[in-house]
Amino acid sequence: MLSPIKTELVCESLFKSMGTNKELLSKGIKYLAGALPLLFIGPSLIYNAFMNQQNAWHYLVLAIGIIACLAAMFLLYLGLKTIMKSLFND
């Protein structure tokens, strides 16, 4: 069994070796910040397209809304993947 002193040394050495890559972390946060407005704009555009079906621009607005939603999901994926990579040094 490890003594408390050895346990502290092991924990300290583990945490010192687990450094966070700050550049990758900030890049991941930027991806998430880019996804945040798209998370609101996309569904709003889709709702607007379905409420204005009599308009000639209905399909264009719907397509833009769907693209915005897909872009938001992609940016969320990239952001979370980048943050995990920065935290766990893969």
PDB file of N, CA and C in Angstrom:
ATOM      1  N   MET A   1       0.841  -1.176   0.000  1.00  0.00           N
ATOM      2  CA  MET A   1       0.000   0.000   0.000  1.00  0.00           C
ATOM      3  C   MET A   1       0.886   1.240   0.000  1.00  0.00           C
ATOM      4  N   LEU A   2       0.468   2.238  -0.756  1.00  0.00           N
ATOM      5  CA  LEU A   2       1.254   3.460  -0.855  1.00  0.00           C
ATOM      6  C   LEU A   2       1.018   4.352   0.352  1.00  0.00           C
ATOM      7  N   SER A   3       2.081   4.955   0.794  1.00  0.00           N
ATOM      8  CA  SER A   3       1.937   5.903   1.894  1.00  0.00           C
ATOM      9  C   SER A   3       1.358   7.208   1.348  1.00  0.00           C
ATOM     10  N   PRO A   4       0.813   8.049   2.211  1.00  0.00           N
ATOM     11  CA  PRO A   4       0.233   9.311   1.739  1.00  0.00           C
ATOM     12  C   PRO A   4       1.237  10.197   1.010  1.00  0.00           C
ATOM     13  N   ILE A   5       2.484  10.148   1.412  1.00  0.00           N
ATOM     14  CA  ILE A   5       3.498  10.981   0.758  1.00  0.00           C
ATOM     15  C   ILE A   5       3.734  10.492  -0.668  1.00  0.00           C
ATOM     16  N   LYS A   6       3.840   9.173  -0.843  1.00  0.00           N
ATOM     17  CA  LYS A   6       4.050   8.628  -2.181  1.00  0.00           C
ATOM     18  C   LYS A   6       2.834   8.877  -3.065  1.00  0.00           C
ATOM     19  N   THR A   7       1.657   8.799  -2.491  1.00  0.00           N
ATOM     20  CA  THR A   7       0.442   9.052  -3.256  1.00  0.00           C
ATOM     21  C   THR A   7       0.417  10.490  -3.762  1.00  0.00           C
ATOM     22  N   GLU A   8       0.815  11.425  -2.916  1.00  0.00           N
ATOM     23  CA  GLU A   8       0.861  12.822  -3.335  1.00  0.00           C
ATOM     24  C   GLU A   8       1.874  13.026  -4.451  1.00  0.00           C
ATOM     25  N   LEU A   9       3.019  12.362  -4.356  1.00  0.00           N
ATOM     26  CA  LEU A   9       4.038  12.500  -5.396  1.00  0.00           C
ATOM     27  C   LEU A   9       3.547  11.933  -6.727  1.00  0.00           C
ATOM     28  N   VAL A  10       2.856  10.805  -6.661  1.00  0.00           N
ATOM     29  CA  VAL A  10       2.325  10.200  -7.882  1.00  0.00           C
ATOM     30  C   VAL A  10       1.287  11.122  -8.510  1.00  0.00           C
ATOM     31  N   CYS A  11       0.403  11.676  -7.695  1.00  0.00           N
ATOM     32  CA  CYS A  11      -0.630  12.583  -8.207  1.00  0.00           C
ATOM     33  C   CYS A  11      -0.013  13.841  -8.804  1.00  0.00           C
ATOM     34  N   GLU A  12       0.982  14.393  -8.138  1.00  0.00           N
ATOM     35  CA  GLU A  12       1.629  15.599  -8.651  1.00  0.00           C
ATOM     36  C   GLU A  12       2.306  15.326  -9.988  1.00  0.00           C
ATOM     37  N   SER A  13       2.977  14.190 -10.107  1.00  0.00           N
ATOM     38  CA  SER A  13       3.659  13.897 -11.366  1.00  0.00           C
ATOM     39  C   SER A  13       2.657  13.652 -12.489  1.00  0.00           C
ATOM     40  N   LEU A  14       1.511  13.056 -12.163  1.00  0.00           N
ATOM     41  CA  LEU A  14       0.485  12.848 -13.184  1.00  0.00           C
ATOM     42  C   LEU A  14      -0.085  14.172 -13.667  1.00  0.00           C
ATOM     43  N   PHE A  15      -0.387  15.067 -12.749  1.00  0.00           N
ATOM     44  CA  PHE A  15      -0.990  16.335 -13.139  1.00  0.00           C
ATOM     45  C   PHE A  15       0.001  17.248 -13.844  1.00  0.00           C
ATOM     46  N   LYS A  16       1.269  17.143 -13.511  1.00  0.00           N
ATOM     47  CA  LYS A  16       2.259  17.957 -14.213  1.00  0.00           C
ATOM     48  C   LYS A  16       2.423  17.488 -15.652  1.00  0.00           C
ATOM     49  N   SER A  17       2.320  16.179 -15.875  1.00  0.00           N
ATOM     50  CA  SER A  17       2.485  15.668 -17.233  1.00  0.00           C
ATOM     51  C   SER A  17       1.229  15.869 -18.072  1.00  0.00           C
ATOM     52  N   MET A  18       0.091  16.138 -17.431  1.00  0.00           N
ATOM     53  CA  MET A  18      -1.159  16.329 -18.164  1.00  0.00           C
ATOM     54  C   MET A  18      -1.398  17.811 -18.420  1.00  0.00           C
ATOM     55  N   GLY A  19      -0.546  18.424 -19.191  1.00  0.00           N
ATOM     56  CA  GLY A  19      -0.715  19.829 -19.507  1.00  0.00           C
ATOM     57  C   GLY A  19      -1.766  20.017 -20.587  1.00  0.00           C
ATOM     58  N   THR A  20      -2.375  21.166 -20.570  1.00  0.00           N
ATOM     59  CA  THR A  20      -3.392  21.480 -21.565  1.00  0.00           C
ATOM     60  C   THR A  20      -2.768  22.323 -22.664  1.00  0.00           C
ATOM     61  N   ASN A  21      -3.024  21.953 -23.885  1.00  0.00           N
ATOM     62  CA  ASN A  21      -2.551  22.727 -25.023  1.00  0.00           C
ATOM     63  C   ASN A  21      -3.477  23.931 -25.189  1.00  0.00           C
ATOM     64  N   LYS A  22      -3.003  25.092 -24.781  1.00  0.00           N
ATOM     65  CA  LYS A  22      -3.845  26.296 -24.751  1.00  0.00           C
ATOM     66  C   LYS A  22      -4.264  26.740 -26.151  1.00  0.00           C
ATOM     67  N   GLU A  23      -3.391  26.555 -27.125  1.00  0.00           N
ATOM     68  CA  GLU A  23      -3.720  26.973 -28.491  1.00  0.00           C
ATOM     69  C   GLU A  23      -4.862  26.135 -29.057  1.00  0.00           C
ATOM     70  N   LEU A  24      -4.791  24.823 -28.844  1.00  0.00           N
ATOM     71  CA  LEU A  24      -5.873  23.959 -29.321  1.00  0.00           C
ATOM     72  C   LEU A  24      -7.166  24.226 -28.563  1.00  0.00           C
ATOM     73  N   LEU A  25      -7.048  24.508 -27.281  1.00  0.00           N
ATOM     74  CA  LEU A  25      -8.233  24.803 -26.481  1.00  0.00           C
ATOM     75  C   LEU A  25      -8.928  26.064 -26.986  1.00  0.00           C
ATOM     76  N   SER A  26      -8.155  27.092 -27.275  1.00  0.00           N
ATOM     77  CA  SER A  26      -8.767  28.327 -27.772  1.00  0.00           C
ATOM     78  C   SER A  26      -9.361  28.123 -29.166  1.00  0.00           C
ATOM     79  N   LYS A  27      -8.738  27.284 -29.966  1.00  0.00           N
ATOM     80  CA  LYS A  27      -9.288  26.981 -31.292  1.00  0.00           C
ATOM     81  C   LYS A  27     -10.627  26.257 -31.160  1.00  0.00           C
ATOM     82  N   GLY A  28     -10.713  25.321 -30.224  1.00  0.00           N
ATOM     83  CA  GLY A  28     -11.967  24.606 -29.995  1.00  0.00           C
ATOM     84  C   GLY A  28     -13.066  25.518 -29.482  1.00  0.00           C
ATOM     85  N   ILE A  29     -12.700  26.445 -28.617  1.00  0.00           N
ATOM     86  CA  ILE A  29     -13.693  27.393 -28.099  1.00  0.00           C
ATOM     87  C   ILE A  29     -14.171  28.322 -29.211  1.00  0.00           C
ATOM     88  N   LYS A  30     -13.288  28.665 -30.131  1.00  0.00           N
ATOM     89  CA  LYS A  30     -13.700  29.494 -31.273  1.00  0.00           C
ATOM     90  C   LYS A  30     -14.694  28.742 -32.162  1.00  0.00           C
ATOM     91  N   TYR A  31     -14.464  27.452 -32.350  1.00  0.00           N
ATOM     92  CA  TYR A  31     -15.427  26.652 -33.116  1.00  0.00           C
ATOM     93  C   TYR A  31     -16.790  26.648 -32.428  1.00  0.00           C
ATOM     94  N   LEU A  32     -16.783  26.464 -31.113  1.00  0.00           N
ATOM     95  CA  LEU A  32     -18.044  26.457 -30.373  1.00  0.00           C
ATOM     96  C   LEU A  32     -18.716  27.824 -30.407  1.00  0.00           C
ATOM     97  N   ALA A  33     -17.920  28.877 -30.361  1.00  0.00           N
ATOM     98  CA  ALA A  33     -18.489  30.225 -30.442  1.00  0.00           C
ATOM     99  C   ALA A  33     -19.090  30.483 -31.821  1.00  0.00           C
ATOM    100  N   GLY A  34     -18.518  29.897 -32.847  1.00  0.00           N
ATOM    101  CA  GLY A  34     -19.084  30.026 -34.184  1.00  0.00           C
ATOM    102  C   GLY A  34     -20.365  29.228 -34.343  1.00  0.00           C
ATOM    103  N   ALA A  35     -20.475  28.137 -33.616  1.00  0.00           N
ATOM    104  CA  ALA A  35     -21.676  27.304 -33.710  1.00  0.00           C
ATOM    105  C   ALA A  35     -22.849  27.903 -32.948  1.00  0.00           C
ATOM    106  N   LEU A  36     -22.575  28.691 -31.938  1.00  0.00           N
ATOM    107  CA  LEU A  36     -23.646  29.220 -31.090  1.00  0.00           C
ATOM    108  C   LEU A  36     -24.681  30.050 -31.854  1.00  0.00           C
ATOM    109  N   PRO A  37     -24.284  31.021 -32.666  1.00  0.00           N
ATOM    110  CA  PRO A  37     -25.329  31.761 -33.393  1.00  0.00           C
ATOM    111  C   PRO A  37     -26.071  30.894 -34.409  1.00  0.00           C
ATOM    112  N   LEU A  38     -25.359  29.947 -35.005  1.00  0.00           N
ATOM    113  CA  LEU A  38     -26.007  29.080 -35.989  1.00  0.00           C
ATOM    114  C   LEU A  38     -27.052  28.179 -35.345  1.00  0.00           C
ATOM    115  N   LEU A  39     -26.860  27.858 -34.067  1.00  0.00           N
ATOM    116  CA  LEU A  39     -27.842  27.041 -33.362  1.00  0.00           C
ATOM    117  C   LEU A  39     -29.180  27.759 -33.218  1.00  0.00           C
ATOM    118  N   PHE A  40     -29.166  29.071 -33.238  1.00  0.00           N
ATOM    119  CA  PHE A  40     -30.404  29.839 -33.142  1.00  0.00           C
ATOM    120  C   PHE A  40     -30.909  30.289 -34.513  1.00  0.00           C
ATOM    121  N   ILE A  41     -29.993  30.616 -35.405  1.00  0.00           N
ATOM    122  CA  ILE A  41     -30.385  31.122 -36.719  1.00  0.00           C
ATOM    123  C   ILE A  41     -31.022  30.023 -37.570  1.00  0.00           C
ATOM    124  N   GLY A  42     -30.441  28.830 -37.544  1.00  0.00           N
ATOM    125  CA  GLY A  42     -30.942  27.737 -38.376  1.00  0.00           C
ATOM    126  C   GLY A  42     -32.399  27.386 -38.107  1.00  0.00           C
ATOM    127  N   PRO A  43     -32.760  27.047 -36.875  1.00  0.00           N
ATOM    128  CA  PRO A  43     -34.171  26.736 -36.607  1.00  0.00           C
ATOM    129  C   PRO A  43     -35.107  27.920 -36.845  1.00  0.00           C
ATOM    130  N   SER A  44     -34.622  29.130 -36.611  1.00  0.00           N
ATOM    131  CA  SER A  44     -35.459  30.307 -36.877  1.00  0.00           C
ATOM    132  C   SER A  44     -35.762  30.434 -38.368  1.00  0.00           C
ATOM    133  N   LEU A  45     -34.770  30.189 -39.187  1.00  0.00           N
ATOM    134  CA  LEU A  45     -34.986  30.250 -40.632  1.00  0.00           C
ATOM    135  C   LEU A  45     -35.919  29.136 -41.107  1.00  0.00           C
ATOM    136  N   ILE A  46     -35.765  27.958 -40.540  1.00  0.00           N
ATOM    137  CA  ILE A  46     -36.646  26.851 -40.920  1.00  0.00           C
ATOM    138  C   ILE A  46     -38.086  27.168 -40.523  1.00  0.00           C
ATOM    139  N   TYR A  47     -38.275  27.694 -39.331  1.00  0.00           N
ATOM    140  CA  TYR A  47     -39.613  28.077 -38.878  1.00  0.00           C
ATOM    141  C   TYR A  47     -40.194  29.161 -39.788  1.00  0.00           C
ATOM    142  N   ASN A  48     -39.375  30.138 -40.122  1.00  0.00           N
ATOM    143  CA  ASN A  48     -39.816  31.221 -40.997  1.00  0.00           C
ATOM    144  C   ASN A  48     -40.206  30.683 -42.373  1.00  0.00           C
ATOM    145  N   ALA A  49     -39.454  29.722 -42.873  1.00  0.00           N
ATOM    146  CA  ALA A  49     -39.760  29.158 -44.188  1.00  0.00           C
ATOM    147  C   ALA A  49     -41.103  28.431 -44.169  1.00  0.00           C
ATOM    148  N   PHE A  50     -41.391  27.718 -43.100  1.00  0.00           N
ATOM    149  CA  PHE A  50     -42.662  26.997 -43.040  1.00  0.00           C
ATOM    150  C   PHE A  50     -43.847  27.924 -42.766  1.00  0.00           C
ATOM    151  N   MET A  51     -43.596  29.052 -42.129  1.00  0.00           N
ATOM    152  CA  MET A  51     -44.685  30.000 -41.887  1.00  0.00           C
ATOM    153  C   MET A  51     -45.016  30.822 -43.137  1.00  0.00           C
ATOM    154  N   ASN A  52     -44.077  30.941 -44.053  1.00  0.00           N
ATOM    155  CA  ASN A  52     -44.278  31.747 -45.262  1.00  0.00           C
ATOM    156  C   ASN A  52     -44.240  30.866 -46.508  1.00  0.00           C
ATOM    157  N   GLN A  53     -45.039  29.830 -46.529  1.00  0.00           N
ATOM    158  CA  GLN A  53     -45.021  28.919 -47.673  1.00  0.00           C
ATOM    159  C   GLN A  53     -45.605  29.542 -48.932  1.00  0.00           C
ATOM    160  N   GLN A  54     -46.382  30.585 -48.803  1.00  0.00           N
ATOM    161  CA  GLN A  54     -46.955  31.226 -49.982  1.00  0.00           C
ATOM    162  C   GLN A  54     -45.932  32.109 -50.699  1.00  0.00           C
ATOM    163  N   ASN A  55     -44.815  32.375 -50.068  1.00  0.00           N
ATOM    164  CA  ASN A  55     -43.775  33.220 -50.645  1.00  0.00           C
ATOM    165  C   ASN A  55     -42.956  32.423 -51.664  1.00  0.00           C
ATOM    166  N   ALA A  56     -42.441  33.110 -52.663  1.00  0.00           N
ATOM    167  CA  ALA A  56     -41.639  32.448 -53.695  1.00  0.00           C
ATOM    168  C   ALA A  56     -40.265  32.027 -53.171  1.00  0.00           C
ATOM    169  N   TRP A  57     -39.801  32.659 -52.105  1.00  0.00           N
ATOM    170  CA  TRP A  57     -38.479  32.376 -51.554  1.00  0.00           C
ATOM    171  C   TRP A  57     -38.508  31.271 -50.496  1.00  0.00           C
ATOM    172  N   HIS A  58     -39.616  30.583 -50.385  1.00  0.00           N
ATOM    173  CA  HIS A  58     -39.802  29.570 -49.346  1.00  0.00           C
ATOM    174  C   HIS A  58     -38.698  28.509 -49.370  1.00  0.00           C
ATOM    175  N   TYR A  59     -38.430  27.950 -50.525  1.00  0.00           N
ATOM    176  CA  TYR A  59     -37.455  26.858 -50.609  1.00  0.00           C
ATOM    177  C   TYR A  59     -36.025  27.344 -50.378  1.00  0.00           C
ATOM    178  N   LEU A  60     -35.735  28.548 -50.815  1.00  0.00           N
ATOM    179  CA  LEU A  60     -34.396  29.092 -50.591  1.00  0.00           C
ATOM    180  C   LEU A  60     -34.141  29.318 -49.099  1.00  0.00           C
ATOM    181  N   VAL A  61     -35.120  29.896 -48.415  1.00  0.00           N
ATOM    182  CA  VAL A  61     -34.974  30.139 -46.974  1.00  0.00           C
ATOM    183  C   VAL A  61     -34.887  28.815 -46.222  1.00  0.00           C
ATOM    184  N   LEU A  62     -35.667  27.836 -46.639  1.00  0.00           N
ATOM    185  CA  LEU A  62     -35.616  26.515 -46.009  1.00  0.00           C
ATOM    186  C   LEU A  62     -34.242  25.873 -46.200  1.00  0.00           C
ATOM    187  N   ALA A  63     -33.707  25.973 -47.400  1.00  0.00           N
ATOM    188  CA  ALA A  63     -32.385  25.398 -47.673  1.00  0.00           C
ATOM    189  C   ALA A  63     -31.301  26.093 -46.849  1.00  0.00           C
ATOM    190  N   ILE A  64     -31.383  27.404 -46.744  1.00  0.00           N
ATOM    191  CA  ILE A  64     -30.391  28.139 -45.947  1.00  0.00           C
ATOM    192  C   ILE A  64     -30.499  27.746 -44.472  1.00  0.00           C
ATOM    193  N   GLY A  65     -31.717  27.558 -43.979  1.00  0.00           N
ATOM    194  CA  GLY A  65     -31.907  27.137 -42.593  1.00  0.00           C
ATOM    195  C   GLY A  65     -31.344  25.754 -42.329  1.00  0.00           C
ATOM    196  N   ILE A  66     -31.564  24.845 -43.259  1.00  0.00           N
ATOM    197  CA  ILE A  66     -31.031  23.485 -43.097  1.00  0.00           C
ATOM    198  C   ILE A  66     -29.508  23.501 -43.146  1.00  0.00           C
ATOM    199  N   ILE A  67     -28.951  24.290 -44.049  1.00  0.00           N
ATOM    200  CA  ILE A  67     -27.489  24.400 -44.136  1.00  0.00           C
ATOM    201  C   ILE A  67     -26.922  25.004 -42.855  1.00  0.00           C
ATOM    202  N   ALA A  68     -27.612  25.989 -42.290  1.00  0.00           N
ATOM    203  CA  ALA A  68     -27.149  26.601 -41.037  1.00  0.00           C
ATOM    204  C   ALA A  68     -27.178  25.580 -39.899  1.00  0.00           C
ATOM    205  N   CYS A  69     -28.216  24.752 -39.846  1.00  0.00           N
ATOM    206  CA  CYS A  69     -28.287  23.720 -38.802  1.00  0.00           C
ATOM    207  C   CYS A  69     -27.180  22.686 -38.970  1.00  0.00           C
ATOM    208  N   LEU A  70     -26.941  22.271 -40.194  1.00  0.00           N
ATOM    209  CA  LEU A  70     -25.870  21.301 -40.438  1.00  0.00           C
ATOM    210  C   LEU A  70     -24.498  21.896 -40.117  1.00  0.00           C
ATOM    211  N   ALA A  71     -24.311  23.161 -40.454  1.00  0.00           N
ATOM    212  CA  ALA A  71     -23.041  23.821 -40.139  1.00  0.00           C
ATOM    213  C   ALA A  71     -22.852  23.933 -38.627  1.00  0.00           C
ATOM    214  N   ALA A  72     -23.931  24.196 -37.901  1.00  0.00           N
ATOM    215  CA  ALA A  72     -23.840  24.281 -36.443  1.00  0.00           C
ATOM    216  C   ALA A  72     -23.437  22.936 -35.850  1.00  0.00           C
ATOM    217  N   MET A  73     -24.033  21.862 -36.341  1.00  0.00           N
ATOM    218  CA  MET A  73     -23.679  20.534 -35.830  1.00  0.00           C
ATOM    219  C   MET A  73     -22.228  20.191 -36.155  1.00  0.00           C
ATOM    220  N   PHE A  74     -21.789  20.554 -37.354  1.00  0.00           N
ATOM    221  CA  PHE A  74     -20.408  20.279 -37.742  1.00  0.00           C
ATOM    222  C   PHE A  74     -19.428  21.071 -36.879  1.00  0.00           C
ATOM    223  N   LEU A  75     -19.735  22.348 -36.636  1.00  0.00           N
ATOM    224  CA  LEU A  75     -18.850  23.159 -35.802  1.00  0.00           C
ATOM    225  C   LEU A  75     -18.842  22.677 -34.352  1.00  0.00           C
ATOM    226  N   LEU A  76     -19.979  22.211 -33.865  1.00  0.00           N
ATOM    227  CA  LEU A  76     -20.008  21.634 -32.517  1.00  0.00           C
ATOM    228  C   LEU A  76     -19.118  20.400 -32.441  1.00  0.00           C
ATOM    229  N   TYR A  77     -19.213  19.553 -33.445  1.00  0.00           N
ATOM    230  CA  TYR A  77     -18.372  18.352 -33.481  1.00  0.00           C
ATOM    231  C   TYR A  77     -16.893  18.727 -33.512  1.00  0.00           C
ATOM    232  N   LEU A  78     -16.537  19.658 -34.400  1.00  0.00           N
ATOM    233  CA  LEU A  78     -15.132  20.065 -34.490  1.00  0.00           C
ATOM    234  C   LEU A  78     -14.647  20.703 -33.191  1.00  0.00           C
ATOM    235  N   GLY A  79     -15.490  21.533 -32.596  1.00  0.00           N
ATOM    236  CA  GLY A  79     -15.095  22.196 -31.357  1.00  0.00           C
ATOM    237  C   GLY A  79     -14.869  21.221 -30.222  1.00  0.00           C
ATOM    238  N   LEU A  80     -15.804  20.300 -30.044  1.00  0.00           N
ATOM    239  CA  LEU A  80     -15.650  19.320 -28.964  1.00  0.00           C
ATOM    240  C   LEU A  80     -14.468  18.388 -29.221  1.00  0.00           C
ATOM    241  N   LYS A  81     -14.276  18.005 -30.466  1.00  0.00           N
ATOM    242  CA  LYS A  81     -13.148  17.142 -30.809  1.00  0.00           C
ATOM    243  C   LYS A  81     -11.824  17.850 -30.530  1.00  0.00           C
ATOM    244  N   THR A  82     -11.749  19.128 -30.885  1.00  0.00           N
ATOM    245  CA  THR A  82     -10.525  19.897 -30.670  1.00  0.00           C
ATOM    246  C   THR A  82     -10.266  20.118 -29.183  1.00  0.00           C
ATOM    247  N   ILE A  83     -11.312  20.385 -28.427  1.00  0.00           N
ATOM    248  CA  ILE A  83     -11.142  20.579 -26.981  1.00  0.00           C
ATOM    249  C   ILE A  83     -10.684  19.284 -26.319  1.00  0.00           C
ATOM    250  N   MET A  84     -11.261  18.166 -26.716  1.00  0.00           N
ATOM    251  CA  MET A  84     -10.828  16.885 -26.146  1.00  0.00           C
ATOM    252  C   MET A  84      -9.378  16.585 -26.504  1.00  0.00           C
ATOM    253  N   LYS A  85      -9.003  16.934 -27.723  1.00  0.00           N
ATOM    254  CA  LYS A  85      -7.616  16.714 -28.137  1.00  0.00           C
ATOM    255  C   LYS A  85      -6.666  17.588 -27.324  1.00  0.00           C
ATOM    256  N   SER A  86      -7.093  18.813 -27.017  1.00  0.00           N
ATOM    257  CA  SER A  86      -6.217  19.700 -26.248  1.00  0.00           C
ATOM    258  C   SER A  86      -6.106  19.252 -24.794  1.00  0.00           C
ATOM    259  N   LEU A  87      -7.164  18.688 -24.259  1.00  0.00           N
ATOM    260  CA  LEU A  87      -7.135  18.272 -22.856  1.00  0.00           C
ATOM    261  C   LEU A  87      -6.389  16.963 -22.649  1.00  0.00           C
ATOM    262  N   PHE A  88      -6.552  16.036 -23.569  1.00  0.00           N
ATOM    263  CA  PHE A  88      -5.988  14.708 -23.365  1.00  0.00           C
ATOM    264  C   PHE A  88      -4.784  14.409 -24.239  1.00  0.00           C
ATOM    265  N   ASN A  89      -4.304  15.383 -24.994  1.00  0.00           N
ATOM    266  CA  ASN A  89      -3.070  15.271 -25.783  1.00  0.00           C
ATOM    267  C   ASN A  89      -3.037  14.035 -26.674  1.00  0.00           C
ATOM    268  N   ASP A  90      -4.061  13.861 -27.470  1.00  0.00           N
ATOM    269  CA  ASP A  90      -4.077  12.708 -28.392  1.00  0.00           C
ATOM    270  C   ASP A  90      -3.168  12.942 -29.560  1.00  0.00           C
TER     271      ASP A  90
END
